[in-house]
Protein backbone atom coordinates (compact mmCIF):
# COMPACT_ATOMS: atom_id res chain seq x y z
CA UNK A 1 148.24 70.84 141.40
CA UNK A 2 144.67 70.73 142.16
CA UNK A 3 142.58 68.64 139.94
CA UNK A 4 138.71 69.10 139.00
CA UNK A 5 136.78 65.84 138.60
CA UNK A 6 135.02 64.93 135.24
CA UNK A 7 131.98 65.41 136.86
CA UNK A 8 132.74 69.18 137.81
CA UNK A 9 134.10 70.12 134.95
CA UNK A 10 131.39 69.27 132.83
CA UNK A 11 128.87 71.07 135.19
CA UNK A 12 131.04 74.10 134.86
CA UNK A 13 131.03 73.85 130.41
CA UNK A 14 127.39 73.47 130.92
CA UNK A 15 127.08 76.55 133.08
CA UNK A 16 129.16 78.39 130.58
CA UNK A 17 127.21 77.65 127.72
CA UNK A 18 123.78 78.39 130.03
CA UNK A 19 124.74 81.54 130.82
CA UNK A 20 126.63 82.67 127.46
CA UNK A 21 124.12 85.08 125.16
CA UNK A 22 122.10 83.58 122.53
CA UNK A 23 123.58 84.31 119.31
CA UNK A 24 121.44 87.21 117.56
CA UNK A 25 119.21 86.50 114.56
CA UNK A 26 121.14 87.67 111.33
CA UNK A 27 119.45 87.95 107.86
CA UNK A 28 121.01 84.82 106.78
CA UNK A 29 119.05 82.96 109.40
CA UNK A 30 115.91 84.76 107.51
CA UNK A 31 117.14 84.10 104.39
CA UNK A 32 117.43 79.97 105.50
CA UNK A 33 114.12 79.76 106.43
CA UNK A 34 112.41 81.56 103.68
CA UNK A 35 114.56 78.92 101.63
CA UNK A 36 112.69 76.41 103.60
CA UNK A 37 109.29 77.86 103.28
CA UNK A 38 109.98 78.04 99.12
CA UNK A 39 111.43 74.07 99.12
CA UNK A 40 107.68 73.17 101.46
CA UNK A 41 105.65 75.19 98.65
CA UNK A 42 107.13 73.86 95.67
CA UNK A 43 106.65 70.80 96.65
CA UNK A 44 102.75 71.24 97.40
CA UNK A 45 102.72 73.01 93.65
CA UNK A 46 104.63 69.29 92.02
CA UNK A 47 101.97 67.65 93.62
CA UNK A 48 98.84 69.80 92.47
CA UNK A 49 100.94 69.51 88.90
CA UNK A 50 101.84 73.02 88.98
CA UNK A 51 105.29 74.00 87.73
CA UNK A 52 108.46 74.41 89.89
CA UNK A 53 109.10 78.17 88.70
CA UNK A 54 106.14 80.86 89.49
CA UNK A 55 107.31 84.40 88.65
CA UNK A 56 110.07 86.07 89.95
CA UNK A 57 110.35 89.57 92.26
CA UNK A 58 112.91 92.05 90.65
CA UNK A 59 116.21 93.05 92.16
CA UNK A 60 115.48 94.39 95.53
CA UNK A 61 117.86 97.18 97.42
CA UNK A 62 117.83 99.75 100.71
CA UNK A 63 115.31 96.77 102.58
CA UNK A 64 115.17 96.81 106.43
CA UNK A 65 113.77 93.57 108.69
CA UNK A 66 110.49 96.28 109.18
CA UNK A 67 110.10 95.63 105.27
CA UNK A 68 111.23 92.13 105.23
CA UNK A 69 108.21 91.40 108.38
CA UNK A 70 105.54 93.17 106.19
CA UNK A 71 106.35 91.08 102.93
CA UNK A 72 106.39 87.97 105.62
CA UNK A 73 102.63 88.68 106.67
CA UNK A 74 102.08 88.58 103.03
CA UNK A 75 103.37 85.07 102.38
CA UNK A 76 101.73 84.20 105.94
CA UNK A 77 98.16 85.49 105.01
CA UNK A 78 98.41 83.55 101.67
CA UNK A 79 99.42 80.20 103.47
CA UNK A 80 96.33 81.04 105.83
CA UNK A 81 93.91 81.39 102.50
CA UNK A 82 95.23 78.31 101.33
CA UNK A 83 94.37 76.33 104.38
CA UNK A 84 90.96 77.73 104.33
CA UNK A 85 90.89 76.00 100.39
CA UNK A 86 91.78 72.48 101.79
CA UNK A 87 89.39 72.86 104.71
CA UNK A 88 92.26 73.21 107.68
CA UNK A 89 91.80 75.75 110.41
CA UNK A 90 93.57 79.11 109.66
CA UNK A 91 95.06 81.51 112.15
CA UNK A 92 94.57 85.20 112.36
CA UNK A 93 96.84 87.70 111.10
CA UNK A 94 99.36 89.34 113.06
CA UNK A 95 99.85 92.79 113.84
CA UNK A 96 101.89 95.19 112.15
CA UNK A 97 105.06 96.21 114.99
CA UNK A 98 104.69 98.35 117.96
CA UNK A 99 108.49 98.72 118.29
CA UNK A 100 111.72 98.62 116.32
CA UNK A 101 111.99 95.64 114.26
CA UNK A 102 115.01 93.43 114.14
CA UNK A 103 115.56 90.28 111.73
CA UNK A 104 114.64 88.26 114.67
CA UNK A 105 110.88 89.09 114.39
CA UNK A 106 110.18 88.07 110.75
CA UNK A 107 112.29 85.23 111.63
CA UNK A 108 110.18 84.37 114.58
CA UNK A 109 107.10 84.15 111.76
CA UNK A 110 108.96 82.23 109.07
CA UNK A 111 109.46 79.74 111.80
CA UNK A 112 105.54 79.38 112.22
CA UNK A 113 104.90 79.73 108.53
CA UNK A 114 107.76 76.37 108.36
CA UNK A 115 105.58 74.45 111.32
CA UNK A 116 102.16 75.32 109.53
CA UNK A 117 104.02 74.39 105.94
CA UNK A 118 105.33 71.15 107.71
CA UNK A 119 102.05 69.82 109.16
CA UNK A 120 100.12 70.77 105.59
CA UNK A 121 102.84 68.61 103.95
CA UNK A 122 102.86 65.84 105.59
CA UNK A 123 99.42 65.21 106.16
CA UNK A 124 99.60 65.06 102.08
CA UNK A 125 102.23 62.74 102.28
CA UNK A 126 103.90 65.44 100.27
CA UNK A 127 107.70 64.72 99.44
CA UNK A 128 110.08 68.02 100.17
CA UNK A 129 113.22 66.31 98.51
CA UNK A 130 116.64 68.02 99.08
CA UNK A 131 117.16 69.65 102.22
CA UNK A 132 118.20 73.79 101.83
CA UNK A 133 121.60 74.68 102.89
CA UNK A 134 122.31 77.84 105.11
CA UNK A 135 123.71 80.41 102.97
CA UNK A 136 126.24 83.76 104.36
CA UNK A 137 126.29 87.31 103.03
CA UNK A 138 122.71 87.68 103.07
CA UNK A 139 120.92 91.46 103.34
CA UNK A 140 117.68 92.16 104.33
CA UNK A 141 117.31 93.50 100.59
CA UNK A 142 117.87 89.93 99.75
CA UNK A 143 115.58 88.21 102.54
CA UNK A 144 112.95 90.56 101.16
CA UNK A 145 113.26 89.41 97.60
CA UNK A 146 113.11 85.74 98.79
CA UNK A 147 109.76 86.01 101.00
CA UNK A 148 108.79 87.54 97.77
CA UNK A 149 109.90 85.08 95.77
CA UNK A 150 108.07 82.68 98.24
CA UNK A 151 105.02 84.67 98.00
CA UNK A 152 104.41 84.17 94.15
CA UNK A 153 104.89 80.41 94.25
CA UNK A 154 102.17 80.74 96.91
CA UNK A 155 99.67 82.61 94.18
CA UNK A 156 98.78 79.12 92.54
CA UNK A 157 98.11 77.61 95.45
CA UNK A 158 96.27 79.97 97.64
CA UNK A 159 95.16 82.73 94.36
CA UNK A 160 96.83 85.86 93.24
CA UNK A 161 96.40 89.19 95.16
CA UNK A 162 93.65 91.00 93.62
CA UNK A 163 92.73 95.13 93.72
CA UNK A 164 90.45 93.81 96.95
CA UNK A 165 93.79 93.22 98.88
CA UNK A 166 95.09 96.62 97.58
CA UNK A 167 92.29 98.45 98.54
CA UNK A 168 92.01 97.35 101.66
CA UNK A 169 95.57 98.24 102.37
CA UNK A 170 94.82 101.80 101.35
CA UNK A 171 91.94 102.33 103.93
CA UNK A 172 94.61 101.28 106.44
CA UNK A 173 97.10 103.78 104.92
CA UNK A 174 93.83 106.57 105.04
CA UNK A 175 93.33 105.77 108.55
CA UNK A 176 97.77 105.77 109.49
CA UNK A 177 97.61 109.65 107.91
CA UNK A 178 94.83 110.58 109.98
CA UNK A 179 96.34 109.34 113.09
CA UNK A 180 99.24 111.21 112.07
CA UNK A 181 97.31 114.62 111.35
CA UNK A 182 95.61 114.08 114.80
CA UNK A 183 98.59 113.90 116.63
CA UNK A 184 99.95 117.06 114.84
CA UNK A 185 96.80 118.87 115.76
CA UNK A 186 95.61 118.67 112.45
CA UNK A 187 91.93 118.00 111.35
CA UNK A 188 92.19 116.62 107.61
CA UNK A 189 89.69 116.08 105.32
CA UNK A 190 89.37 112.72 103.54
CA UNK A 191 86.70 114.24 100.65
CA UNK A 192 84.86 111.85 98.55
CA UNK A 193 86.43 109.39 96.02
CA UNK A 194 86.07 110.20 92.24
CA UNK A 195 84.27 107.76 89.74
CA UNK A 196 87.32 107.05 87.75
CA UNK A 197 87.28 104.49 84.54
CA UNK A 198 89.81 103.18 82.07
CA UNK A 199 92.51 102.34 84.90
CA UNK A 200 94.98 99.74 85.07
CA UNK A 201 97.04 98.46 88.16
CA UNK A 202 100.22 100.03 85.83
CA UNK A 203 98.73 103.45 86.78
CA UNK A 204 97.61 102.37 90.13
CA UNK A 205 101.22 101.34 90.82
CA UNK A 206 102.44 105.06 89.34
CA UNK A 207 100.09 106.61 92.16
CA UNK A 208 101.22 104.25 94.47
CA UNK A 209 104.89 105.47 93.59
CA UNK A 210 104.00 109.21 94.33
CA UNK A 211 102.43 108.17 97.27
CA UNK A 212 105.87 107.06 98.77
CA UNK A 213 107.50 110.12 97.19
CA UNK A 214 104.87 112.54 99.40
CA UNK A 215 105.57 110.32 102.21
CA UNK A 216 109.43 110.40 102.48
CA UNK A 217 108.61 114.32 102.34
CA UNK A 218 106.29 113.89 105.28
CA UNK A 219 108.76 111.88 106.87
CA UNK A 220 111.86 114.61 106.73
CA UNK A 221 109.36 117.37 107.67
CA UNK A 222 108.65 115.57 111.02
CA UNK A 223 112.58 113.89 111.72
CA UNK A 224 111.67 110.64 110.92
CA UNK A 225 114.80 109.23 108.32
CA UNK A 226 112.80 107.74 105.00
CA UNK A 227 113.58 104.46 103.62
CA UNK A 228 115.05 104.56 99.89
CA UNK A 229 112.14 104.56 97.37
CA UNK A 230 112.46 101.21 95.09
CA UNK A 231 112.76 101.03 91.64
CA UNK A 232 109.37 101.17 89.70
CA UNK A 233 109.14 97.68 88.38
CA UNK A 234 110.27 96.55 84.67
CA UNK A 235 107.33 94.62 82.97
CA UNK A 236 103.84 93.92 83.40
CA UNK A 237 102.54 95.31 86.30
CA UNK A 238 100.22 92.79 88.65
CA UNK A 239 97.93 93.82 91.81
CA UNK A 240 100.93 91.96 93.30
CA UNK A 241 103.12 94.95 92.19
CA UNK A 242 100.62 97.20 93.20
CA UNK A 243 100.08 95.48 96.68
CA UNK A 244 103.77 95.45 97.55
CA UNK A 245 104.02 99.28 97.13
CA UNK A 246 101.26 99.61 99.56
CA UNK A 247 102.80 97.45 101.72
CA UNK A 248 105.88 99.44 101.62
CA UNK A 249 103.73 102.54 102.66
CA UNK A 250 102.47 100.55 105.60
CA UNK A 251 105.95 99.87 106.64
CA UNK A 252 106.94 103.51 106.29
CA UNK A 253 103.91 104.47 108.32
CA UNK A 254 104.77 101.84 111.16
CA UNK A 255 108.14 103.49 111.19
CA UNK A 256 106.70 106.77 112.18
CA UNK A 257 104.25 105.22 114.48
CA UNK A 258 107.00 103.05 116.46
CA UNK A 259 109.21 106.55 116.77
CA UNK A 260 106.00 109.06 117.38
CA UNK A 261 104.62 106.02 119.79
CA UNK A 262 101.44 106.24 118.12
CA UNK A 263 98.76 103.36 118.00
CA UNK A 264 99.30 100.54 115.58
CA UNK A 265 96.73 100.61 112.06
CA UNK A 266 94.31 98.65 112.52
CA UNK A 267 94.34 95.16 110.06
CA UNK A 268 91.33 96.06 108.56
CA UNK A 269 88.83 93.60 106.55
CA UNK A 270 88.16 93.00 102.60
CA UNK A 271 85.17 95.10 100.96
CA UNK A 272 82.61 93.14 99.80
CA UNK A 273 81.99 95.06 97.17
CA UNK A 274 83.96 94.22 93.70
CA UNK A 275 87.11 96.31 93.48
CA UNK A 276 88.65 97.29 90.02
CA UNK A 277 92.17 99.47 89.47
CA UNK A 278 89.88 102.64 89.31
CA UNK A 279 88.64 102.34 92.78
CA UNK A 280 92.36 101.75 93.99
CA UNK A 281 93.09 104.75 91.68
CA UNK A 282 90.36 106.94 93.17
CA UNK A 283 91.32 106.01 96.78
CA UNK A 284 95.14 106.64 96.31
CA UNK A 285 94.14 110.48 94.75
CA UNK A 286 92.47 110.68 98.32
CA UNK A 287 95.61 109.77 99.91
CA UNK A 288 97.68 111.84 98.06
CA UNK A 289 95.36 115.01 99.24
CA UNK A 290 95.50 113.87 103.03
CA UNK A 291 99.69 113.85 102.48
CA UNK A 292 99.29 117.42 100.60
CA UNK A 293 97.66 118.70 103.55
CA UNK A 294 99.87 117.21 106.48
CA UNK A 295 102.54 118.87 104.16
CA UNK A 296 100.61 122.25 104.12
């Protein structure tokens, strides 16, 4: 019987492992990285004398890896804002995706987030505490909720979402709809924003959900399967809730762009003027009119 030398045996073993395909990233892996980010952020909060807990997101359903990625971009931007406040060099925010999103995409962004958080924690001599453990049975909706949890925890360090960030998202949404109209050979009219008074974040969130429903109708019209529209959040509505709704709108527009091979929506910039819920609602009404034209 032919005997294989130990050297050849281990060479064969190594060759097999090298040629095996890498294990696909799962929502469990993404959730784990979000947990690690939460642990680092809690350590930074503790060092600053802030409470361990912050506002909790509601239960999320029917989210996709694309939704998770847009939520992770929100967290990434807050970390960059925090770094600027600490006189640390900040990075630019990545673009929205241009192709189909798997769990690997938000996973890679969370790896980058944790690398930056680890650097901040070490530079401040902060102890993270107990290690987090990999959990199983997680869905993209669970991951989305956990990333939002991390985002809420960053608010006391970087500053909460303001109407200015919501307004920037709305400018991006408008540009996305205009691009869709152009692809359909439609000359859309934007019009002028109304001068409104007395609006609050709750009013803005209602209008954002109207956009989600109108956008779902448009998706059906052009042969794109719409995502399930989330439940309207309970309790007091903050700009963060409205921003989340606009993130969901951007995710749907990105899905359209990927399927129809349209350009990626540009990042946009914050307005230098003070933005209130009145300007936000006025911009949402313009977006609804654009959707009405696309459905005509």
